[in-house]
Amino acid sequence: MTNIATERDDPLEIKPDPNKAASACRQLIRAQAGRGRIDRALASALAAFGLPADYLDTEGGRWK
């Protein structure tokens, strides 16, 4: 099956930067345990994939 021309590739399907992804995972775990900040973890995760800080408010909105 081919992609529809108006549909874009999911940027989360790319391989993230391994070091940045590992850091984001650690930050997320700490945030969920109450010892960290979720906004910092999210910023790290977006950076690991090379996505802009406003990704969830703009492009990410299509998955809501």
Protein backbone atom coordinates (compact mmCIF):
# COMPACT_ATOMS: atom_id res chain seq x y z
CA MET A 1 0.00 0.00 0.00
CA THR A 2 1.37 3.40 -0.93
CA ASN A 3 1.19 6.56 1.12
CA ILE A 4 -1.34 9.19 0.21
CA ALA A 5 0.39 12.23 -1.24
CA THR A 6 -0.91 14.50 1.53
CA GLU A 7 0.33 12.16 4.26
CA ARG A 8 3.81 12.82 5.64
CA ASP A 9 6.18 10.31 7.19
CA ASP A 10 6.07 9.95 10.95
CA PRO A 11 9.27 11.59 12.25
CA LEU A 12 9.18 9.31 15.28
CA GLU A 13 9.94 6.34 13.01
CA ILE A 14 13.54 7.50 12.52
CA LYS A 15 16.31 6.23 14.74
CA PRO A 16 16.96 8.86 17.44
CA ASP A 17 20.37 9.92 18.69
CA PRO A 18 21.15 7.06 21.14
CA ASN A 19 22.82 9.22 23.80
CA LYS A 20 20.07 11.84 23.75
CA ALA A 21 17.37 9.15 23.78
CA ALA A 22 18.93 7.45 26.79
CA SER A 23 19.12 10.76 28.62
CA ALA A 24 15.47 11.50 27.80
CA CYS A 25 14.45 8.07 29.12
CA ARG A 26 16.27 8.63 32.38
CA GLN A 27 14.70 12.06 32.76
CA LEU A 28 11.23 10.66 32.06
CA ILE A 29 11.66 7.92 34.65
CA ARG A 30 12.83 10.48 37.22
CA ALA A 31 9.90 12.77 36.39
CA GLN A 32 7.39 9.94 36.77
CA ALA A 33 8.97 9.04 40.12
CA GLY A 34 8.54 12.63 41.28
CA ARG A 35 12.24 13.47 41.18
CA GLY A 36 12.38 15.30 37.89
CA ARG A 37 10.55 17.57 35.51
CA ILE A 38 8.44 16.22 32.67
CA ASP A 39 9.04 19.36 30.57
CA ARG A 40 12.79 18.73 30.62
CA ALA A 41 12.28 15.08 29.72
CA LEU A 42 10.03 16.05 26.82
CA ALA A 43 12.54 18.63 25.58
CA SER A 44 15.27 15.97 25.66
CA ALA A 45 13.10 13.47 23.81
CA LEU A 46 12.27 15.98 21.09
CA ALA A 47 15.97 16.84 20.75
CA ALA A 48 16.84 13.14 20.38
CA PHE A 49 14.62 12.99 17.30
CA GLY A 50 15.75 16.39 16.00
CA LEU A 51 12.26 17.84 16.44
CA PRO A 52 11.49 21.48 17.31
CA ALA A 53 10.39 22.43 20.83
CA ASP A 54 6.88 23.31 19.58
CA TYR A 55 6.41 19.97 17.78
CA LEU A 56 3.53 18.77 19.98
CA ASP A 57 1.66 22.03 19.49
CA THR A 58 2.14 22.07 15.72
CA GLU A 59 3.00 18.91 13.80
CA GLY A 60 2.28 16.52 16.66
CA GLY A 61 -1.29 17.74 16.75
CA ARG A 62 -2.20 15.52 13.82
CA TRP A 63 -1.93 12.45 16.07
CA LYS A 64 -4.27 13.83 18.74
